[in-house]
Amino acid sequence: MFFKEHFGTVLTSVLSLVMGLFMGIAVIIVNHLPFVWTQLFQLWAEIFMIVFVVSLFVPYNAWGDWLAGKVFDLKEGTVGFALVQGIIPSVILNTFNTFICVGQSIFYNPTIPQAARMGIWWHSCISTWWIFFVVSYIASYIAVWIGKFVATHYVKKSNY
Protein backbone atom coordinates (compact mmCIF):
# COMPACT_ATOMS: atom_id res chain seq x y z
CA MET A 1 0.00 0.00 0.00
CA PHE A 2 1.43 3.37 -1.06
CA PHE A 3 0.35 5.16 2.10
CA LYS A 4 2.43 3.00 4.44
CA GLU A 5 5.46 2.89 2.17
CA HIS A 6 6.07 6.57 1.55
CA PHE A 7 8.02 8.47 4.21
CA GLY A 8 6.57 11.91 3.43
CA THR A 9 2.98 10.68 3.43
CA VAL A 10 3.38 8.97 6.79
CA LEU A 11 5.14 12.02 8.21
CA THR A 12 2.41 14.38 6.94
CA SER A 13 -0.33 12.11 8.28
CA VAL A 14 1.18 11.87 11.75
CA LEU A 15 1.93 15.60 11.74
CA SER A 16 -1.73 16.31 10.92
CA LEU A 17 -2.97 13.95 13.64
CA VAL A 18 -0.74 15.38 16.36
CA MET A 19 -1.23 19.02 15.35
CA GLY A 20 -4.99 18.48 15.32
CA LEU A 21 -4.88 17.16 18.87
CA PHE A 22 -2.66 19.96 20.22
CA MET A 23 -4.58 22.71 18.47
CA GLY A 24 -7.96 21.22 19.41
CA ILE A 25 -7.00 21.23 23.09
CA ALA A 26 -5.66 24.79 22.75
CA VAL A 27 -8.93 25.99 21.18
CA ILE A 28 -10.93 24.44 24.03
CA ILE A 29 -8.70 26.09 26.65
CA VAL A 30 -8.46 29.53 25.02
CA ASN A 31 -12.17 29.76 24.21
CA HIS A 32 -13.22 28.38 27.62
CA LEU A 33 -15.23 25.62 25.98
CA PRO A 34 -16.39 22.58 27.94
CA PHE A 35 -13.85 19.78 27.68
CA VAL A 36 -16.03 17.03 26.27
CA TRP A 37 -14.85 14.34 23.88
CA THR A 38 -17.28 15.29 21.14
CA GLN A 39 -16.01 18.88 21.17
CA LEU A 40 -12.38 17.72 21.11
CA PHE A 41 -13.08 15.23 18.33
CA GLN A 42 -14.85 17.82 16.20
CA LEU A 43 -11.99 20.31 16.57
CA TRP A 44 -9.33 17.63 16.08
CA ALA A 45 -10.99 16.36 12.90
CA GLU A 46 -11.42 19.85 11.51
CA ILE A 47 -7.82 20.85 12.20
CA PHE A 48 -6.52 17.49 10.95
CA MET A 49 -8.25 18.02 7.60
CA ILE A 50 -7.00 21.60 7.29
CA VAL A 51 -3.39 20.67 8.08
CA PHE A 52 -3.48 17.59 5.85
CA VAL A 53 -5.01 19.33 2.82
CA VAL A 54 -2.82 22.44 3.12
CA SER A 55 0.24 20.19 3.50
CA LEU A 56 -0.61 18.48 0.22
CA PHE A 57 -0.80 21.69 -1.81
CA VAL A 58 1.35 24.38 -0.16
CA PRO A 59 5.16 23.96 -0.19
CA TYR A 60 5.60 25.70 3.14
CA ASN A 61 8.64 23.62 4.15
CA ALA A 62 10.52 24.75 1.05
CA TRP A 63 9.59 28.34 1.86
CA GLY A 64 10.83 27.85 5.43
CA ASP A 65 14.10 26.40 4.11
CA TRP A 66 14.46 29.43 1.84
CA LEU A 67 13.84 31.83 4.73
CA ALA A 68 16.36 30.14 7.02
CA GLY A 69 19.00 29.41 4.38
CA LYS A 70 18.86 32.30 1.94
CA VAL A 71 17.47 35.20 3.97
CA PHE A 72 19.09 34.48 7.35
CA ASP A 73 22.08 32.55 5.93
CA LEU A 74 21.83 29.77 8.51
CA LYS A 75 23.32 26.34 8.02
CA GLU A 76 20.98 23.38 7.69
CA GLY A 77 21.09 21.08 10.70
CA THR A 78 21.67 23.86 13.25
CA VAL A 79 19.20 24.81 15.96
CA GLY A 80 18.91 28.33 14.53
CA PHE A 81 18.03 26.95 11.10
CA ALA A 82 15.33 24.72 12.58
CA LEU A 83 13.85 27.53 14.64
CA VAL A 84 13.67 29.96 11.70
CA GLN A 85 12.59 27.27 9.22
CA GLY A 86 9.56 26.47 11.40
CA ILE A 87 8.18 30.01 11.29
CA ILE A 88 6.64 29.91 7.80
CA PRO A 89 4.92 26.51 8.16
CA SER A 90 3.47 27.62 11.50
CA VAL A 91 2.29 30.95 10.07
CA ILE A 92 0.60 29.26 7.10
CA LEU A 93 -1.00 26.37 8.98
CA ASN A 94 -2.01 28.56 11.91
CA THR A 95 -3.61 31.15 9.63
CA PHE A 96 -5.69 28.53 7.84
CA ASN A 97 -6.66 26.88 11.15
CA THR A 98 -7.55 30.15 12.87
CA PHE A 99 -9.63 31.61 10.07
CA ILE A 100 -11.48 28.39 9.25
CA CYS A 101 -12.05 27.09 12.80
CA VAL A 102 -13.12 30.47 14.15
CA GLY A 103 -15.35 30.98 11.12
CA GLN A 104 -16.97 27.60 11.55
CA SER A 105 -17.73 28.22 15.20
CA ILE A 106 -19.16 31.71 14.53
CA PHE A 107 -20.96 31.44 11.20
CA TYR A 108 -22.75 28.21 12.16
CA ASN A 109 -23.73 29.43 15.62
CA PRO A 110 -27.43 30.28 15.63
CA THR A 111 -27.12 32.26 18.88
CA ILE A 112 -24.95 34.92 17.19
CA PRO A 113 -27.01 37.41 15.17
CA GLN A 114 -26.27 37.07 11.47
CA ALA A 115 -25.47 40.78 11.07
CA ALA A 116 -22.80 40.61 13.77
CA ARG A 117 -21.05 37.43 12.64
CA MET A 118 -18.50 39.01 10.27
CA GLY A 119 -17.32 41.55 12.85
CA ILE A 120 -17.12 38.94 15.58
CA TRP A 121 -15.24 36.59 13.26
CA TRP A 122 -12.70 39.24 12.28
CA HIS A 123 -12.15 40.38 15.88
CA SER A 124 -11.84 36.78 17.08
CA CYS A 125 -9.30 35.91 14.38
CA ILE A 126 -7.14 38.92 15.18
CA SER A 127 -7.28 38.43 18.94
CA THR A 128 -6.56 34.69 18.95
CA TRP A 129 -4.17 34.30 16.00
CA TRP A 130 -0.99 35.00 17.94
CA ILE A 131 -1.96 32.64 20.79
CA PHE A 132 -2.56 29.81 18.37
CA PHE A 133 0.62 30.69 16.47
CA VAL A 134 2.70 30.09 19.60
CA VAL A 135 0.90 26.80 20.28
CA SER A 136 1.25 25.76 16.63
CA TYR A 137 4.93 26.70 16.50
CA ILE A 138 5.83 24.68 19.60
CA ALA A 139 3.52 21.77 18.76
CA SER A 140 4.94 21.50 15.24
CA TYR A 141 8.35 20.44 16.58
CA ILE A 142 6.76 17.76 18.74
CA ALA A 143 4.56 16.62 15.84
CA VAL A 144 7.47 16.45 13.38
CA TRP A 145 9.57 14.53 15.89
CA ILE A 146 6.77 12.00 16.43
CA GLY A 147 6.10 11.85 12.66
CA LYS A 148 9.75 11.18 11.84
CA PHE A 149 9.91 8.52 14.55
CA VAL A 150 6.82 6.73 13.22
CA ALA A 151 7.83 7.07 9.56
CA THR A 152 11.38 5.88 10.23
CA HIS A 153 10.16 2.77 12.03
CA TYR A 154 7.40 1.80 9.60
CA VAL A 155 8.67 2.76 6.18
CA LYS A 156 11.20 0.76 4.21
CA LYS A 157 14.48 2.68 4.14
CA SER A 158 14.88 2.22 0.38
CA ASN A 159 11.81 4.37 -0.35
CA TYR A 160 13.16 7.69 0.89
C-alpha atoms as a PDB file:
ATOM      1  CA  MET A   1       0.000   0.000   0.000  1.00  0.00           C
ATOM      2  CA  PHE A   2       1.433   3.365  -1.057  1.00  0.00           C
ATOM      3  CA  PHE A   3       0.354   5.158   2.104  1.00  0.00           C
ATOM      4  CA  LYS A   4       2.428   3.003   4.440  1.00  0.00           C
ATOM      5  CA  GLU A   5       5.464   2.890   2.168  1.00  0.00           C
ATOM      6  CA  HIS A   6       6.071   6.575   1.554  1.00  0.00           C
ATOM      7  CA  PHE A   7       8.021   8.472   4.214  1.00  0.00           C
ATOM      8  CA  GLY A   8       6.571  11.908   3.428  1.00  0.00           C
ATOM      9  CA  THR A   9       2.983  10.683   3.430  1.00  0.00           C
ATOM     10  CA  VAL A  10       3.380   8.966   6.790  1.00  0.00           C
ATOM     11  CA  LEU A  11       5.136  12.024   8.213  1.00  0.00           C
ATOM     12  CA  THR A  12       2.406  14.382   6.944  1.00  0.00           C
ATOM     13  CA  SER A  13      -0.333  12.113   8.283  1.00  0.00           C
ATOM     14  CA  VAL A  14       1.185  11.866  11.748  1.00  0.00           C
ATOM     15  CA  LEU A  15       1.933  15.605  11.742  1.00  0.00           C
ATOM     16  CA  SER A  16      -1.727  16.307  10.920  1.00  0.00           C
ATOM     17  CA  LEU A  17      -2.965  13.948  13.637  1.00  0.00           C
ATOM     18  CA  VAL A  18      -0.739  15.380  16.358  1.00  0.00           C
ATOM     19  CA  MET A  19      -1.233  19.023  15.353  1.00  0.00           C
ATOM     20  CA  GLY A  20      -4.991  18.475  15.316  1.00  0.00           C
ATOM     21  CA  LEU A  21      -4.877  17.162  18.874  1.00  0.00           C
ATOM     22  CA  PHE A  22      -2.660  19.961  20.224  1.00  0.00           C
ATOM     23  CA  MET A  23      -4.580  22.712  18.469  1.00  0.00           C
ATOM     24  CA  GLY A  24      -7.959  21.223  19.410  1.00  0.00           C
ATOM     25  CA  ILE A  25      -7.002  21.230  23.086  1.00  0.00           C
ATOM     26  CA  ALA A  26      -5.660  24.790  22.747  1.00  0.00           C
ATOM     27  CA  VAL A  27      -8.931  25.989  21.182  1.00  0.00           C
ATOM     28  CA  ILE A  28     -10.926  24.441  24.030  1.00  0.00           C
ATOM     29  CA  ILE A  29      -8.704  26.090  26.653  1.00  0.00           C
ATOM     30  CA  VAL A  30      -8.461  29.529  25.016  1.00  0.00           C
ATOM     31  CA  ASN A  31     -12.169  29.759  24.206  1.00  0.00           C
ATOM     32  CA  HIS A  32     -13.220  28.385  27.621  1.00  0.00           C
ATOM     33  CA  LEU A  33     -15.227  25.617  25.984  1.00  0.00           C
ATOM     34  CA  PRO A  34     -16.389  22.581  27.936  1.00  0.00           C
ATOM     35  CA  PHE A  35     -13.854  19.782  27.679  1.00  0.00           C
ATOM     36  CA  VAL A  36     -16.029  17.029  26.272  1.00  0.00           C
ATOM     37  CA  TRP A  37     -14.854  14.343  23.884  1.00  0.00           C
ATOM     38  CA  THR A  38     -17.280  15.294  21.142  1.00  0.00           C
ATOM     39  CA  GLN A  39     -16.006  18.885  21.168  1.00  0.00           C
ATOM     40  CA  LEU A  40     -12.381  17.725  21.114  1.00  0.00           C
ATOM     41  CA  PHE A  41     -13.076  15.232  18.334  1.00  0.00           C
ATOM     42  CA  GLN A  42     -14.854  17.824  16.196  1.00  0.00           C
ATOM     43  CA  LEU A  43     -11.991  20.311  16.573  1.00  0.00           C
ATOM     44  CA  TRP A  44      -9.335  17.628  16.083  1.00  0.00           C
ATOM     45  CA  ALA A  45     -10.994  16.360  12.898  1.00  0.00           C
ATOM     46  CA  GLU A  46     -11.420  19.853  11.506  1.00  0.00           C
ATOM     47  CA  ILE A  47      -7.816  20.854  12.201  1.00  0.00           C
ATOM     48  CA  PHE A  48      -6.522  17.489  10.950  1.00  0.00           C
ATOM     49  CA  MET A  49      -8.247  18.021   7.605  1.00  0.00           C
ATOM     50  CA  ILE A  50      -7.004  21.603   7.294  1.00  0.00           C
ATOM     51  CA  VAL A  51      -3.388  20.666   8.085  1.00  0.00           C
ATOM     52  CA  PHE A  52      -3.478  17.592   5.854  1.00  0.00           C
ATOM     53  CA  VAL A  53      -5.006  19.332   2.823  1.00  0.00           C
ATOM     54  CA  VAL A  54      -2.817  22.437   3.122  1.00  0.00           C
ATOM     55  CA  SER A  55       0.240  20.188   3.501  1.00  0.00           C
ATOM     56  CA  LEU A  56      -0.614  18.481   0.219  1.00  0.00           C
ATOM     57  CA  PHE A  57      -0.800  21.691  -1.810  1.00  0.00           C
ATOM     58  CA  VAL A  58       1.350  24.383  -0.164  1.00  0.00           C
ATOM     59  CA  PRO A  59       5.160  23.955  -0.194  1.00  0.00           C
ATOM     60  CA  TYR A  60       5.601  25.705   3.144  1.00  0.00           C
ATOM     61  CA  ASN A  61       8.641  23.615   4.152  1.00  0.00           C
ATOM     62  CA  ALA A  62      10.517  24.750   1.054  1.00  0.00           C
ATOM     63  CA  TRP A  63       9.587  28.341   1.861  1.00  0.00           C
ATOM     64  CA  GLY A  64      10.831  27.851   5.428  1.00  0.00           C
ATOM     65  CA  ASP A  65      14.100  26.402   4.113  1.00  0.00           C
ATOM     66  CA  TRP A  66      14.464  29.431   1.840  1.00  0.00           C
ATOM     67  CA  LEU A  67      13.843  31.828   4.734  1.00  0.00           C
ATOM     68  CA  ALA A  68      16.359  30.143   7.023  1.00  0.00           C
ATOM     69  CA  GLY A  69      19.001  29.408   4.381  1.00  0.00           C
ATOM     70  CA  LYS A  70      18.859  32.295   1.936  1.00  0.00           C
ATOM     71  CA  VAL A  71      17.475  35.197   3.971  1.00  0.00           C
ATOM     72  CA  PHE A  72      19.095  34.482   7.348  1.00  0.00           C
ATOM     73  CA  ASP A  73      22.081  32.547   5.927  1.00  0.00           C
ATOM     74  CA  LEU A  74      21.828  29.772   8.511  1.00  0.00           C
ATOM     75  CA  LYS A  75      23.321  26.339   8.016  1.00  0.00           C
ATOM     76  CA  GLU A  76      20.981  23.383   7.694  1.00  0.00           C
ATOM     77  CA  GLY A  77      21.088  21.084  10.703  1.00  0.00           C
ATOM     78  CA  THR A  78      21.668  23.855  13.246  1.00  0.00           C
ATOM     79  CA  VAL A  79      19.205  24.806  15.956  1.00  0.00           C
ATOM     80  CA  GLY A  80      18.910  28.327  14.532  1.00  0.00           C
ATOM     81  CA  PHE A  81      18.032  26.953  11.099  1.00  0.00           C
ATOM     82  CA  ALA A  82      15.331  24.716  12.577  1.00  0.00           C
ATOM     83  CA  LEU A  83      13.850  27.535  14.640  1.00  0.00           C
ATOM     84  CA  VAL A  84      13.674  29.957  11.700  1.00  0.00           C
ATOM     85  CA  GLN A  85      12.586  27.269   9.220  1.00  0.00           C
ATOM     86  CA  GLY A  86       9.555  26.465  11.398  1.00  0.00           C
ATOM     87  CA  ILE A  87       8.179  30.007  11.293  1.00  0.00           C
ATOM     88  CA  ILE A  88       6.641  29.906   7.797  1.00  0.00           C
ATOM     89  CA  PRO A  89       4.925  26.511   8.164  1.00  0.00           C
ATOM     90  CA  SER A  90       3.468  27.618  11.499  1.00  0.00           C
ATOM     91  CA  VAL A  91       2.293  30.950  10.069  1.00  0.00           C
ATOM     92  CA  ILE A  92       0.596  29.264   7.103  1.00  0.00           C
ATOM     93  CA  LEU A  93      -1.005  26.374   8.976  1.00  0.00           C
ATOM     94  CA  ASN A  94      -2.008  28.563  11.906  1.00  0.00           C
ATOM     95  CA  THR A  95      -3.605  31.149   9.630  1.00  0.00           C
ATOM     96  CA  PHE A  96      -5.689  28.529   7.839  1.00  0.00           C
ATOM     97  CA  ASN A  97      -6.656  26.885  11.149  1.00  0.00           C
ATOM     98  CA  THR A  98      -7.547  30.146  12.865  1.00  0.00           C
ATOM     99  CA  PHE A  99      -9.633  31.615  10.067  1.00  0.00           C
ATOM    100  CA  ILE A 100     -11.482  28.391   9.249  1.00  0.00           C
ATOM    101  CA  CYS A 101     -12.047  27.093  12.803  1.00  0.00           C
ATOM    102  CA  VAL A 102     -13.120  30.470  14.153  1.00  0.00           C
ATOM    103  CA  GLY A 103     -15.348  30.978  11.119  1.00  0.00           C
ATOM    104  CA  GLN A 104     -16.972  27.601  11.546  1.00  0.00           C
ATOM    105  CA  SER A 105     -17.732  28.224  15.196  1.00  0.00           C
ATOM    106  CA  ILE A 106     -19.159  31.705  14.533  1.00  0.00           C
ATOM    107  CA  PHE A 107     -20.957  31.444  11.201  1.00  0.00           C
ATOM    108  CA  TYR A 108     -22.746  28.211  12.156  1.00  0.00           C
ATOM    109  CA  ASN A 109     -23.727  29.432  15.622  1.00  0.00           C
ATOM    110  CA  PRO A 110     -27.435  30.281  15.635  1.00  0.00           C
ATOM    111  CA  THR A 111     -27.123  32.265  18.879  1.00  0.00           C
ATOM    112  CA  ILE A 112     -24.953  34.924  17.190  1.00  0.00           C
ATOM    113  CA  PRO A 113     -27.005  37.411  15.169  1.00  0.00           C
ATOM    114  CA  GLN A 114     -26.265  37.073  11.467  1.00  0.00           C
ATOM    115  CA  ALA A 115     -25.473  40.782  11.066  1.00  0.00           C
ATOM    116  CA  ALA A 116     -22.804  40.606  13.775  1.00  0.00           C
ATOM    117  CA  ARG A 117     -21.046  37.432  12.643  1.00  0.00           C
ATOM    118  CA  MET A 118     -18.503  39.011  10.269  1.00  0.00           C
ATOM    119  CA  GLY A 119     -17.323  41.552  12.851  1.00  0.00           C
ATOM    120  CA  ILE A 120     -17.121  38.937  15.584  1.00  0.00           C
ATOM    121  CA  TRP A 121     -15.238  36.592  13.256  1.00  0.00           C
ATOM    122  CA  TRP A 122     -12.697  39.236  12.276  1.00  0.00           C
ATOM    123  CA  HIS A 123     -12.151  40.379  15.877  1.00  0.00           C
ATOM    124  CA  SER A 124     -11.840  36.781  17.078  1.00  0.00           C
ATOM    125  CA  CYS A 125      -9.298  35.909  14.380  1.00  0.00           C
ATOM    126  CA  ILE A 126      -7.136  38.919  15.177  1.00  0.00           C
ATOM    127  CA  SER A 127      -7.281  38.431  18.940  1.00  0.00           C
ATOM    128  CA  THR A 128      -6.555  34.686  18.955  1.00  0.00           C
ATOM    129  CA  TRP A 129      -4.166  34.303  16.004  1.00  0.00           C
ATOM    130  CA  TRP A 130      -0.988  34.996  17.943  1.00  0.00           C
ATOM    131  CA  ILE A 131      -1.956  32.636  20.790  1.00  0.00           C
ATOM    132  CA  PHE A 132      -2.564  29.805  18.374  1.00  0.00           C
ATOM    133  CA  PHE A 133       0.616  30.688  16.469  1.00  0.00           C
ATOM    134  CA  VAL A 134       2.701  30.092  19.595  1.00  0.00           C
ATOM    135  CA  VAL A 135       0.902  26.800  20.281  1.00  0.00           C
ATOM    136  CA  SER A 136       1.247  25.763  16.628  1.00  0.00           C
ATOM    137  CA  TYR A 137       4.933  26.704  16.499  1.00  0.00           C
ATOM    138  CA  ILE A 138       5.828  24.682  19.601  1.00  0.00           C
ATOM    139  CA  ALA A 139       3.523  21.772  18.764  1.00  0.00           C
ATOM    140  CA  SER A 140       4.940  21.504  15.241  1.00  0.00           C
ATOM    141  CA  TYR A 141       8.346  20.441  16.583  1.00  0.00           C
ATOM    142  CA  ILE A 142       6.765  17.761  18.737  1.00  0.00           C
ATOM    143  CA  ALA A 143       4.555  16.618  15.842  1.00  0.00           C
ATOM    144  CA  VAL A 144       7.465  16.454  13.380  1.00  0.00           C
ATOM    145  CA  TRP A 145       9.571  14.532  15.893  1.00  0.00           C
ATOM    146  CA  ILE A 146       6.766  11.996  16.429  1.00  0.00           C
ATOM    147  CA  GLY A 147       6.098  11.848  12.662  1.00  0.00           C
ATOM    148  CA  LYS A 148       9.751  11.177  11.840  1.00  0.00           C
ATOM    149  CA  PHE A 149       9.909   8.521  14.545  1.00  0.00           C
ATOM    150  CA  VAL A 150       6.817   6.732  13.217  1.00  0.00           C
ATOM    151  CA  ALA A 151       7.833   7.070   9.556  1.00  0.00           C
ATOM    152  CA  THR A 152      11.378   5.878  10.228  1.00  0.00           C
ATOM    153  CA  HIS A 153      10.159   2.769  12.032  1.00  0.00           C
ATOM    154  CA  TYR A 154       7.396   1.797   9.600  1.00  0.00           C
ATOM    155  CA  VAL A 155       8.672   2.764   6.182  1.00  0.00           C
ATOM    156  CA  LYS A 156      11.195   0.760   4.211  1.00  0.00           C
ATOM    157  CA  LYS A 157      14.479   2.677   4.142  1.00  0.00           C
ATOM    158  CA  SER A 158      14.880   2.223   0.380  1.00  0.00           C
ATOM    159  CA  ASN A 159      11.810   4.366  -0.348  1.00  0.00           C
ATOM    160  CA  TYR A 160      13.162   7.688   0.890  1.00  0.00           C
END
